[in-house]
Amino acid sequence: MKEEPKDRERESREALERVARDSETLGSSSLSRMGERMRDHFSAKDAIGDAEHGGTDPIELWGRRIGRSLSLVGVVLLSLWLAHQLGFL
């Protein structure tokens, strides 16, 4: 059976797409995705459009941003305190 040129071309494209997807470096792609998720979390992009009728109160948005930033500061301070208590610092 002889394959049609369109079938061979389609198979070739699929193979190239698989190679490109599989050869993507794991570290850079997961690191960039994690960085984007962290940026979106701390800028409260998940809160945009949560309110009724798709609007978001700017005060609530800034409150989430400030709260999330303070929680990060708290985690860092508690980690440093724990490290000091355990004698690592």
Protein backbone atom coordinates (compact mmCIF):
# COMPACT_ATOMS: atom_id res chain seq x y z
CA MET A 1 0.00 0.00 0.00
CA LYS A 2 1.33 3.35 -0.97
CA GLU A 3 0.65 6.23 1.36
CA GLU A 4 -0.74 9.45 0.01
CA PRO A 5 1.51 12.53 0.27
CA LYS A 6 -1.01 14.28 2.53
CA ASP A 7 -0.95 11.38 5.00
CA ARG A 8 2.83 11.35 5.07
CA GLU A 9 2.93 15.13 5.52
CA ARG A 10 0.42 14.93 8.37
CA GLU A 11 2.41 12.17 10.06
CA SER A 12 5.60 14.16 9.64
CA ARG A 13 4.04 17.24 11.22
CA GLU A 14 2.72 15.20 14.13
CA ALA A 15 6.14 13.65 14.66
CA LEU A 16 7.81 17.07 14.63
CA GLU A 17 5.25 18.44 17.08
CA ARG A 18 5.87 15.49 19.42
CA VAL A 19 9.62 16.00 19.23
CA ALA A 20 9.28 19.73 19.93
CA ARG A 21 6.94 19.10 22.85
CA ASP A 22 9.01 16.28 24.34
CA SER A 23 12.35 18.02 23.89
CA GLU A 24 11.19 21.10 25.79
CA THR A 25 13.52 21.49 28.72
CA LEU A 26 11.76 20.56 31.89
CA GLY A 27 13.44 23.10 34.11
CA SER A 28 12.78 26.20 32.08
CA SER A 29 9.20 25.38 31.22
CA SER A 30 8.09 24.39 34.69
CA LEU A 31 10.06 27.23 36.23
CA SER A 32 8.45 29.78 33.94
CA ARG A 33 4.98 28.36 34.56
CA MET A 34 5.55 28.47 38.31
CA GLY A 35 6.80 32.05 38.06
CA GLU A 36 3.75 33.09 36.05
CA ARG A 37 1.40 31.42 38.52
CA MET A 38 3.15 33.14 41.44
CA ARG A 39 3.01 36.51 39.69
CA ASP A 40 -0.69 36.05 38.93
CA HIS A 41 -1.39 34.97 42.52
CA PHE A 42 0.35 37.91 44.16
CA SER A 43 -1.16 40.42 41.72
CA ALA A 44 -4.62 38.94 42.56
CA LYS A 45 -5.51 38.17 38.95
CA ASP A 46 -7.73 35.37 40.22
CA ALA A 47 -9.87 37.95 42.05
CA ILE A 48 -10.63 39.98 38.95
CA GLY A 49 -14.23 39.42 37.96
CA ASP A 50 -15.16 37.46 41.12
CA ALA A 51 -17.73 39.99 42.29
CA GLU A 52 -21.32 40.19 41.16
CA HIS A 53 -21.82 41.18 37.52
CA GLY A 54 -18.15 40.60 36.73
CA GLY A 55 -16.88 43.72 38.46
CA THR A 56 -14.19 43.83 41.11
CA ASP A 57 -13.95 46.33 43.91
CA PRO A 58 -10.50 47.99 43.73
CA ILE A 59 -10.25 48.06 47.52
CA GLU A 60 -10.88 44.32 47.71
CA LEU A 61 -8.29 43.74 44.99
CA TRP A 62 -5.65 45.78 46.86
CA GLY A 63 -6.64 44.09 50.11
CA ARG A 64 -5.91 40.69 48.58
CA ARG A 65 -2.60 41.90 47.19
CA ILE A 66 -1.53 43.35 50.54
CA GLY A 67 -2.70 40.26 52.43
CA ARG A 68 -0.86 37.89 50.15
CA SER A 69 2.31 39.96 50.33
CA LEU A 70 2.15 40.07 54.12
CA SER A 71 1.64 36.31 54.24
CA LEU A 72 4.80 35.84 52.16
CA VAL A 73 6.73 38.11 54.53
CA GLY A 74 5.35 36.12 57.48
CA VAL A 75 6.43 32.80 55.98
CA VAL A 76 9.94 34.11 55.35
CA LEU A 77 10.22 35.50 58.89
CA LEU A 78 8.93 32.29 60.47
CA SER A 79 11.35 30.24 58.35
CA LEU A 80 14.26 32.40 59.47
CA TRP A 81 13.15 32.12 63.11
CA LEU A 82 12.90 28.32 62.81
CA ALA A 83 16.33 28.13 61.19
CA HIS A 84 17.74 30.25 64.03
CA GLN A 85 16.09 28.05 66.67
CA LEU A 86 17.49 24.90 65.08
CA GLY A 87 20.98 26.41 64.90
CA PHE A 88 21.26 26.67 61.12
CA LEU A 89 21.87 30.42 61.24
